[in-house]
Amino acid sequence: MESSSGGSNIPKIMTFRPTYEQFKDFPSMIAYIESQGAHKAGLAKIIPPKEWCPRRGGYDDLDLMIPAPISQMVTGCQGLYQQYNITKKPL
């Protein structure tokens, strides 16, 4: 799904509202979203079903290390943008 703007095709950010059953099979849901062309915009909005509950205990129990997290800084306007990735300490 694309929209036209000023003579050039710009991918449209798509929104998805999966059912609880679809949401439980996340890899299949992502495959479906990509089959619809959502990846062309670089992101998609997924609205979780009402039955879904986020983890109440947070994510502190995960044994996970991000060796080189980045912070992105984007500047620009009118279609000309510049992005800087700044590497941070391990997290």
PDB file of N, CA and C in Angstrom:
ATOM      1  N   MET A   1       0.854  -1.177   0.000  1.00  0.00           N
ATOM      2  CA  MET A   1       0.000   0.000   0.000  1.00  0.00           C
ATOM      3  C   MET A   1       0.891   1.227   0.000  1.00  0.00           C
ATOM      4  N   GLU A   2       0.796   2.008  -1.012  1.00  0.00           N
ATOM      5  CA  GLU A   2       1.617   3.208  -1.124  1.00  0.00           C
ATOM      6  C   GLU A   2       0.738   4.387  -1.493  1.00  0.00           C
ATOM      7  N   SER A   3       1.176   5.559  -1.113  1.00  0.00           N
ATOM      8  CA  SER A   3       0.464   6.763  -1.526  1.00  0.00           C
ATOM      9  C   SER A   3       1.421   7.631  -2.312  1.00  0.00           C
ATOM     10  N   SER A   4       0.863   8.449  -3.168  1.00  0.00           N
ATOM     11  CA  SER A   4       1.694   9.306  -4.007  1.00  0.00           C
ATOM     12  C   SER A   4       1.764  10.696  -3.398  1.00  0.00           C
ATOM     13  N   SER A   5       2.950  11.271  -3.434  1.00  0.00           N
ATOM     14  CA  SER A   5       3.140  12.614  -2.895  1.00  0.00           C
ATOM     15  C   SER A   5       4.146  13.344  -3.759  1.00  0.00           C
ATOM     16  N   GLY A   6       3.696  14.356  -4.461  1.00  0.00           N
ATOM     17  CA  GLY A   6       4.594  15.158  -5.269  1.00  0.00           C
ATOM     18  C   GLY A   6       5.230  14.389  -6.413  1.00  0.00           C
ATOM     19  N   GLY A   7       4.535  13.386  -6.931  1.00  0.00           N
ATOM     20  CA  GLY A   7       5.061  12.638  -8.058  1.00  0.00           C
ATOM     21  C   GLY A   7       5.951  11.473  -7.681  1.00  0.00           C
ATOM     22  N   SER A   8       6.282  11.299  -6.401  1.00  0.00           N
ATOM     23  CA  SER A   8       7.112  10.161  -5.994  1.00  0.00           C
ATOM     24  C   SER A   8       6.317   9.266  -5.051  1.00  0.00           C
ATOM     25  N   ASN A   9       6.563   7.979  -5.126  1.00  0.00           N
ATOM     26  CA  ASN A   9       5.855   7.038  -4.256  1.00  0.00           C
ATOM     27  C   ASN A   9       6.531   6.980  -2.897  1.00  0.00           C
ATOM     28  N   ILE A  10       5.767   7.246  -1.873  1.00  0.00           N
ATOM     29  CA  ILE A  10       6.254   7.187  -0.502  1.00  0.00           C
ATOM     30  C   ILE A  10       5.480   6.080   0.200  1.00  0.00           C
ATOM     31  N   PRO A  11       6.174   5.077   0.770  1.00  0.00           N
ATOM     32  CA  PRO A  11       5.452   4.006   1.463  1.00  0.00           C
ATOM     33  C   PRO A  11       4.641   4.555   2.626  1.00  0.00           C
ATOM     34  N   LYS A  12       3.461   4.011   2.798  1.00  0.00           N
ATOM     35  CA  LYS A  12       2.566   4.434   3.869  1.00  0.00           C
ATOM     36  C   LYS A  12       2.785   3.554   5.093  1.00  0.00           C
ATOM     37  N   ILE A  13       2.790   4.146   6.283  1.00  0.00           N
ATOM     38  CA  ILE A  13       2.914   3.385   7.519  1.00  0.00           C
ATOM     39  C   ILE A  13       1.570   2.700   7.762  1.00  0.00           C
ATOM     40  N   MET A  14       1.608   1.370   7.849  1.00  0.00           N
ATOM     41  CA  MET A  14       0.392   0.587   7.973  1.00  0.00           C
ATOM     42  C   MET A  14       0.103   0.265   9.437  1.00  0.00           C
ATOM     43  N   THR A  15      -1.199   0.135   9.770  1.00  0.00           N
ATOM     44  CA  THR A  15      -1.641  -0.217  11.109  1.00  0.00           C
ATOM     45  C   THR A  15      -2.313  -1.582  11.061  1.00  0.00           C
ATOM     46  N   PHE A  16      -1.974  -2.439  12.037  1.00  0.00           N
ATOM     47  CA  PHE A  16      -2.541  -3.776  12.121  1.00  0.00           C
ATOM     48  C   PHE A  16      -3.182  -3.982  13.484  1.00  0.00           C
ATOM     49  N   ARG A  17      -4.322  -4.657  13.488  1.00  0.00           N
ATOM     50  CA  ARG A  17      -5.054  -4.977  14.717  1.00  0.00           C
ATOM     51  C   ARG A  17      -5.287  -6.489  14.754  1.00  0.00           C
ATOM     52  N   PRO A  18      -4.277  -7.275  15.156  1.00  0.00           N
ATOM     53  CA  PRO A  18      -4.427  -8.730  15.156  1.00  0.00           C
ATOM     54  C   PRO A  18      -5.368  -9.206  16.263  1.00  0.00           C
ATOM     55  N   THR A  19      -5.963 -10.379  16.035  1.00  0.00           N
ATOM     56  CA  THR A  19      -6.759 -11.022  17.086  1.00  0.00           C
ATOM     57  C   THR A  19      -5.790 -11.595  18.110  1.00  0.00           C
ATOM     58  N   TYR A  20      -6.330 -12.051  19.230  1.00  0.00           N
ATOM     59  CA  TYR A  20      -5.479 -12.629  20.269  1.00  0.00           C
ATOM     60  C   TYR A  20      -4.773 -13.887  19.747  1.00  0.00           C
ATOM     61  N   GLU A  21      -5.485 -14.706  18.994  1.00  0.00           N
ATOM     62  CA  GLU A  21      -4.888 -15.923  18.429  1.00  0.00           C
ATOM     63  C   GLU A  21      -3.765 -15.577  17.459  1.00  0.00           C
ATOM     64  N   GLN A  22      -3.947 -14.570  16.619  1.00  0.00           N
ATOM     65  CA  GLN A  22      -2.896 -14.147  15.688  1.00  0.00           C
ATOM     66  C   GLN A  22      -1.703 -13.575  16.453  1.00  0.00           C
ATOM     67  N   PHE A  23      -1.985 -12.832  17.514  1.00  0.00           N
ATOM     68  CA  PHE A  23      -0.933 -12.177  18.292  1.00  0.00           C
ATOM     69  C   PHE A  23      -0.079 -13.204  19.026  1.00  0.00           C
ATOM     70  N   LYS A  24      -0.667 -14.334  19.436  1.00  0.00           N
ATOM     71  CA  LYS A  24       0.082 -15.371  20.146  1.00  0.00           C
ATOM     72  C   LYS A  24       1.121 -16.034  19.244  1.00  0.00           C
ATOM     73  N   ASP A  25       0.876 -16.077  17.942  1.00  0.00           N
ATOM     74  CA  ASP A  25       1.841 -16.639  16.995  1.00  0.00           C
ATOM     75  C   ASP A  25       2.568 -15.473  16.320  1.00  0.00           C
ATOM     76  N   PHE A  26       3.449 -14.832  17.086  1.00  0.00           N
ATOM     77  CA  PHE A  26       4.089 -13.601  16.641  1.00  0.00           C
ATOM     78  C   PHE A  26       4.886 -13.764  15.346  1.00  0.00           C
ATOM     79  N   PRO A  27       5.689 -14.842  15.172  1.00  0.00           N
ATOM     80  CA  PRO A  27       6.427 -14.978  13.905  1.00  0.00           C
ATOM     81  C   PRO A  27       5.507 -15.032  12.682  1.00  0.00           C
ATOM     82  N   SER A  28       4.382 -15.723  12.799  1.00  0.00           N
ATOM     83  CA  SER A  28       3.439 -15.782  11.672  1.00  0.00           C
ATOM     84  C   SER A  28       2.802 -14.421  11.424  1.00  0.00           C
ATOM     85  N   MET A  29       2.535 -13.695  12.505  1.00  0.00           N
ATOM     86  CA  MET A  29       1.940 -12.373  12.364  1.00  0.00           C
ATOM     87  C   MET A  29       2.907 -11.433  11.631  1.00  0.00           C
ATOM     88  N   ILE A  30       4.189 -11.499  11.989  1.00  0.00           N
ATOM     89  CA  ILE A  30       5.186 -10.656  11.328  1.00  0.00           C
ATOM     90  C   ILE A  30       5.307 -11.038   9.854  1.00  0.00           C
ATOM     91  N   ALA A  31       5.275 -12.336   9.554  1.00  0.00           N
ATOM     92  CA  ALA A  31       5.332 -12.782   8.159  1.00  0.00           C
ATOM     93  C   ALA A  31       4.144 -12.224   7.379  1.00  0.00           C
ATOM     94  N   TYR A  32       2.962 -12.212   7.989  1.00  0.00           N
ATOM     95  CA  TYR A  32       1.778 -11.662   7.326  1.00  0.00           C
ATOM     96  C   TYR A  32       1.949 -10.163   7.077  1.00  0.00           C
ATOM     97  N   ILE A  33       2.422  -9.453   8.085  1.00  0.00           N
ATOM     98  CA  ILE A  33       2.611  -8.002   7.967  1.00  0.00           C
ATOM     99  C   ILE A  33       3.580  -7.682   6.823  1.00  0.00           C
ATOM    100  N   GLU A  34       4.668  -8.451   6.740  1.00  0.00           N
ATOM    101  CA  GLU A  34       5.630  -8.237   5.654  1.00  0.00           C
ATOM    102  C   GLU A  34       5.016  -8.591   4.304  1.00  0.00           C
ATOM    103  N   SER A  35       4.154  -9.622   4.268  1.00  0.00           N
ATOM    104  CA  SER A  35       3.515  -9.999   3.000  1.00  0.00           C
ATOM    105  C   SER A  35       2.579  -8.895   2.499  1.00  0.00           C
ATOM    106  N   GLN A  36       2.120  -8.037   3.414  1.00  0.00           N
ATOM    107  CA  GLN A  36       1.260  -6.924   3.038  1.00  0.00           C
ATOM    108  C   GLN A  36       2.059  -5.694   2.603  1.00  0.00           C
ATOM    109  N   GLY A  37       3.394  -5.763   2.721  1.00  0.00           N
ATOM    110  CA  GLY A  37       4.255  -4.667   2.269  1.00  0.00           C
ATOM    111  C   GLY A  37       4.578  -3.639   3.336  1.00  0.00           C
ATOM    112  N   ALA A  38       4.264  -3.940   4.602  1.00  0.00           N
ATOM    113  CA  ALA A  38       4.514  -2.970   5.669  1.00  0.00           C
ATOM    114  C   ALA A  38       6.000  -2.661   5.830  1.00  0.00           C
ATOM    115  N   HIS A  39       6.868  -3.602   5.487  1.00  0.00           N
ATOM    116  CA  HIS A  39       8.311  -3.404   5.648  1.00  0.00           C
ATOM    117  C   HIS A  39       8.854  -2.317   4.722  1.00  0.00           C
ATOM    118  N   LYS A  40       8.115  -1.953   3.697  1.00  0.00           N
ATOM    119  CA  LYS A  40       8.589  -0.930   2.757  1.00  0.00           C
ATOM    120  C   LYS A  40       8.711   0.438   3.423  1.00  0.00           C
ATOM    121  N   ALA A  41       7.894   0.684   4.463  1.00  0.00           N
ATOM    122  CA  ALA A  41       7.965   1.947   5.180  1.00  0.00           C
ATOM    123  C   ALA A  41       9.013   1.911   6.283  1.00  0.00           C
ATOM    124  N   GLY A  42       9.500   0.712   6.614  1.00  0.00           N
ATOM    125  CA  GLY A  42      10.505   0.594   7.667  1.00  0.00           C
ATOM    126  C   GLY A  42       9.924   0.401   9.047  1.00  0.00           C
ATOM    127  N   LEU A  43       8.602   0.530   9.178  1.00  0.00           N
ATOM    128  CA  LEU A  43       7.941   0.308  10.453  1.00  0.00           C
ATOM    129  C   LEU A  43       6.462   0.085  10.214  1.00  0.00           C
ATOM    130  N   ALA A  44       5.810  -0.456  11.227  1.00  0.00           N
ATOM    131  CA  ALA A  44       4.365  -0.665  11.179  1.00  0.00           C
ATOM    132  C   ALA A  44       3.822  -0.491  12.584  1.00  0.00           C
ATOM    133  N   LYS A  45       2.591  -0.078  12.687  1.00  0.00           N
ATOM    134  CA  LYS A  45       1.940   0.080  13.988  1.00  0.00           C
ATOM    135  C   LYS A  45       1.110  -1.173  14.241  1.00  0.00           C
ATOM    136  N   ILE A  46       1.368  -1.827  15.376  1.00  0.00           N
ATOM    137  CA  ILE A  46       0.613  -3.020  15.753  1.00  0.00           C
ATOM    138  C   ILE A  46      -0.132  -2.697  17.043  1.00  0.00           C
ATOM    139  N   ILE A  47      -1.449  -2.755  16.984  1.00  0.00           N
ATOM    140  CA  ILE A  47      -2.274  -2.505  18.161  1.00  0.00           C
ATOM    141  C   ILE A  47      -2.636  -3.868  18.756  1.00  0.00           C
ATOM    142  N   PRO A  48      -2.119  -4.182  19.955  1.00  0.00           N
ATOM    143  CA  PRO A  48      -2.384  -5.498  20.532  1.00  0.00           C
ATOM    144  C   PRO A  48      -3.858  -5.661  20.892  1.00  0.00           C
ATOM    145  N   PRO A  49      -4.348  -6.907  20.885  1.00  0.00           N
ATOM    146  CA  PRO A  49      -5.743  -7.148  21.240  1.00  0.00           C
ATOM    147  C   PRO A  49      -5.996  -6.856  22.724  1.00  0.00           C
ATOM    148  N   LYS A  50      -7.245  -6.612  23.065  1.00  0.00           N
ATOM    149  CA  LYS A  50      -7.600  -6.275  24.453  1.00  0.00           C
ATOM    150  C   LYS A  50      -7.243  -7.375  25.432  1.00  0.00           C
ATOM    151  N   GLU A  51      -7.251  -8.633  24.972  1.00  0.00           N
ATOM    152  CA  GLU A  51      -6.959  -9.765  25.859  1.00  0.00           C
ATOM    153  C   GLU A  51      -5.494  -9.845  26.262  1.00  0.00           C
ATOM    154  N   TRP A  52      -4.614  -9.208  25.500  1.00  0.00           N
ATOM    155  CA  TRP A  52      -3.183  -9.286  25.775  1.00  0.00           C
ATOM    156  C   TRP A  52      -2.814  -8.422  26.969  1.00  0.00           C
ATOM    157  N   CYS A  53      -1.945  -8.950  27.842  1.00  0.00           N
ATOM    158  CA  CYS A  53      -1.444  -8.196  28.998  1.00  0.00           C
ATOM    159  C   CYS A  53       0.077  -8.181  28.948  1.00  0.00           C
ATOM    160  N   PRO A  54       0.702  -7.025  29.097  1.00  0.00           N
ATOM    161  CA  PRO A  54       2.162  -6.987  29.144  1.00  0.00           C
ATOM    162  C   PRO A  54       2.665  -7.667  30.412  1.00  0.00           C
ATOM    163  N   ARG A  55       3.930  -7.981  30.429  1.00  0.00           N
ATOM    164  CA  ARG A  55       4.509  -8.638  31.619  1.00  0.00           C
ATOM    165  C   ARG A  55       4.393  -7.717  32.817  1.00  0.00           C
ATOM    166  N   ARG A  56       3.778  -8.204  33.847  1.00  0.00           N
ATOM    167  CA  ARG A  56       3.582  -7.380  35.051  1.00  0.00           C
ATOM    168  C   ARG A  56       4.888  -7.213  35.842  1.00  0.00           C
ATOM    169  N   GLY A  57       5.770  -8.205  35.766  1.00  0.00           N
ATOM    170  CA  GLY A  57       7.012  -8.156  36.528  1.00  0.00           C
ATOM    171  C   GLY A  57       8.132  -7.436  35.823  1.00  0.00           C
ATOM    172  N   GLY A  58       7.877  -6.898  34.650  1.00  0.00           N
ATOM    173  CA  GLY A  58       8.934  -6.224  33.903  1.00  0.00           C
ATOM    174  C   GLY A  58       9.850  -7.218  33.224  1.00  0.00           C
ATOM    175  N   TYR A  59      11.041  -6.786  32.898  1.00  0.00           N
ATOM    176  CA  TYR A  59      11.978  -7.615  32.152  1.00  0.00           C
ATOM    177  C   TYR A  59      13.312  -7.770  32.862  1.00  0.00           C
ATOM    178  N   ASP A  60      13.327  -7.518  34.171  1.00  0.00           N
ATOM    179  CA  ASP A  60      14.572  -7.624  34.935  1.00  0.00           C
ATOM    180  C   ASP A  60      15.057  -9.063  35.052  1.00  0.00           C
ATOM    181  N   ASP A  61      14.189 -10.037  34.844  1.00  0.00           N
ATOM    182  CA  ASP A  61      14.578 -11.443  34.980  1.00  0.00           C
ATOM    183  C   ASP A  61      15.272 -11.984  33.732  1.00  0.00           C
ATOM    184  N   LEU A  62      15.356 -11.205  32.677  1.00  0.00           N
ATOM    185  CA  LEU A  62      16.028 -11.651  31.461  1.00  0.00           C
ATOM    186  C   LEU A  62      17.537 -11.486  31.597  1.00  0.00           C
ATOM    187  N   ASP A  63      18.274 -12.514  31.228  1.00  0.00           N
ATOM    188  CA  ASP A  63      19.729 -12.444  31.237  1.00  0.00           C
ATOM    189  C   ASP A  63      20.159 -11.989  29.851  1.00  0.00           C
ATOM    190  N   LEU A  64      20.224 -10.687  29.661  1.00  0.00           N
ATOM    191  CA  LEU A  64      20.455 -10.120  28.346  1.00  0.00           C
ATOM    192  C   LEU A  64      21.472  -8.993  28.437  1.00  0.00           C
ATOM    193  N   MET A  65      22.433  -9.005  27.516  1.00  0.00           N
ATOM    194  CA  MET A  65      23.442  -7.947  27.469  1.00  0.00           C
ATOM    195  C   MET A  65      23.461  -7.368  26.065  1.00  0.00           C
ATOM    196  N   ILE A  66      23.333  -6.052  25.980  1.00  0.00           N
ATOM    197  CA  ILE A  66      23.464  -5.364  24.695  1.00  0.00           C
ATOM    198  C   ILE A  66      24.875  -4.792  24.677  1.00  0.00           C
ATOM    199  N   PRO A  67      25.780  -5.374  23.865  1.00  0.00           N
ATOM    200  CA  PRO A  67      27.187  -4.979  23.925  1.00  0.00           C
ATOM    201  C   PRO A  67      27.481  -3.567  23.440  1.00  0.00           C
ATOM    202  N   ALA A  68      26.713  -3.076  22.476  1.00  0.00           N
ATOM    203  CA  ALA A  68      26.984  -1.740  21.932  1.00  0.00           C
ATOM    204  C   ALA A  68      25.666  -1.060  21.560  1.00  0.00           C
ATOM    205  N   PRO A  69      24.869  -0.647  22.571  1.00  0.00           N
ATOM    206  CA  PRO A  69      23.621   0.040  22.226  1.00  0.00           C
ATOM    207  C   PRO A  69      23.915   1.369  21.533  1.00  0.00           C
ATOM    208  N   ILE A  70      22.987   1.793  20.696  1.00  0.00           N
ATOM    209  CA  ILE A  70      23.183   3.060  19.992  1.00  0.00           C
ATOM    210  C   ILE A  70      22.064   4.038  20.334  1.00  0.00           C
ATOM    211  N   SER A  71      22.390   5.288  20.234  1.00  0.00           N
ATOM    212  CA  SER A  71      21.423   6.371  20.346  1.00  0.00           C
ATOM    213  C   SER A  71      21.407   7.035  18.974  1.00  0.00           C
ATOM    214  N   GLN A  72      20.224   7.207  18.421  1.00  0.00           N
ATOM    215  CA  GLN A  72      20.119   7.803  17.094  1.00  0.00           C
ATOM    216  C   GLN A  72      19.730   9.263  17.209  1.00  0.00           C
ATOM    217  N   MET A  73      20.420  10.105  16.458  1.00  0.00           N
ATOM    218  CA  MET A  73      20.085  11.518  16.384  1.00  0.00           C
ATOM    219  C   MET A  73      19.815  11.840  14.918  1.00  0.00           C
ATOM    220  N   VAL A  74      18.663  12.412  14.647  1.00  0.00           N
ATOM    221  CA  VAL A  74      18.276  12.743  13.277  1.00  0.00           C
ATOM    222  C   VAL A  74      18.007  14.240  13.196  1.00  0.00           C
ATOM    223  N   THR A  75      18.588  14.883  12.190  1.00  0.00           N
ATOM    224  CA  THR A  75      18.338  16.303  11.962  1.00  0.00           C
ATOM    225  C   THR A  75      17.995  16.501  10.496  1.00  0.00           C
ATOM    226  N   GLY A  76      17.302  17.572  10.208  1.00  0.00           N
ATOM    227  CA  GLY A  76      16.994  17.895   8.827  1.00  0.00           C
ATOM    228  C   GLY A  76      15.570  18.385   8.660  1.00  0.00           C
ATOM    229  N   CYS A  77      15.213  18.653   7.409  1.00  0.00           N
ATOM    230  CA  CYS A  77      13.860  19.083   7.083  1.00  0.00           C
ATOM    231  C   CYS A  77      13.649  19.007   5.573  1.00  0.00           C
ATOM    232  N   GLN A  78      12.413  19.073   5.166  1.00  0.00           N
ATOM    233  CA  GLN A  78      12.009  19.113   3.759  1.00  0.00           C
ATOM    234  C   GLN A  78      12.616  17.976   2.935  1.00  0.00           C
ATOM    235  N   GLY A  79      12.661  16.782   3.511  1.00  0.00           N
ATOM    236  CA  GLY A  79      13.119  15.620   2.772  1.00  0.00           C
ATOM    237  C   GLY A  79      14.613  15.367   2.795  1.00  0.00           C
ATOM    238  N   LEU A  80      15.392  16.248   3.394  1.00  0.00           N
ATOM    239  CA  LEU A  80      16.836  16.048   3.492  1.00  0.00           C
ATOM    240  C   LEU A  80      17.181  15.869   4.966  1.00  0.00           C
ATOM    241  N   TYR A  81      17.558  14.639   5.324  1.00  0.00           N
ATOM    242  CA  TYR A  81      17.817  14.315   6.714  1.00  0.00           C
ATOM    243  C   TYR A  81      19.185  13.673   6.861  1.00  0.00           C
ATOM    244  N   GLN A  82      19.748  13.821   8.046  1.00  0.00           N
ATOM    245  CA  GLN A  82      21.026  13.206   8.358  1.00  0.00           C
ATOM    246  C   GLN A  82      20.865  12.490   9.682  1.00  0.00           C
ATOM    247  N   GLN A  83      21.359  11.248   9.743  1.00  0.00           N
ATOM    248  CA  GLN A  83      21.222  10.444  10.955  1.00  0.00           C
ATOM    249  C   GLN A  83      22.598  10.113  11.494  1.00  0.00           C
ATOM    250  N   TYR A  84      22.757  10.263  12.803  1.00  0.00           N
ATOM    251  CA  TYR A  84      23.991   9.904  13.487  1.00  0.00           C
ATOM    252  C   TYR A  84      23.674   8.791  14.474  1.00  0.00           C
ATOM    253  N   ASN A  85      24.494   7.735  14.465  1.00  0.00           N
ATOM    254  CA  ASN A  85      24.379   6.677  15.456  1.00  0.00           C
ATOM    255  C   ASN A  85      25.509   6.855  16.449  1.00  0.00           C
ATOM    256  N   ILE A  86      25.173   7.010  17.719  1.00  0.00           N
ATOM    257  CA  ILE A  86      26.164   7.205  18.769  1.00  0.00           C
ATOM    258  C   ILE A  86      26.213   5.946  19.608  1.00  0.00           C
ATOM    259  N   THR A  87      27.368   5.281  19.656  1.00  0.00           N
ATOM    260  CA  THR A  87      27.526   4.049  20.421  1.00  0.00           C
ATOM    261  C   THR A  87      27.653   4.379  21.898  1.00  0.00           C
ATOM    262  N   LYS A  88      26.911   3.643  22.715  1.00  0.00           N
ATOM    263  CA  LYS A  88      26.917   3.840  24.167  1.00  0.00           C
ATOM    264  C   LYS A  88      27.632   2.684  24.853  1.00  0.00           C
ATOM    265  N   LYS A  89      27.768   2.775  26.180  1.00  0.00           N
ATOM    266  CA  LYS A  89      28.368   1.697  26.979  1.00  0.00           C
ATOM    267  C   LYS A  89      27.447   0.480  26.967  1.00  0.00           C
ATOM    268  N   PRO A  90      28.007  -0.722  27.177  1.00  0.00           N
ATOM    269  CA  PRO A  90      27.163  -1.918  27.243  1.00  0.00           C
ATOM    270  C   PRO A  90      26.033  -1.761  28.249  1.00  0.00           C
ATOM    271  N   LEU A  91      24.914  -2.379  27.924  1.00  0.00           N
ATOM    272  CA  LEU A  91      23.712  -2.239  28.757  1.00  0.00           C
ATOM    273  C   LEU A  91      23.163  -3.602  29.061  1.00  0.00           C
TER     274      LEU A  91
END
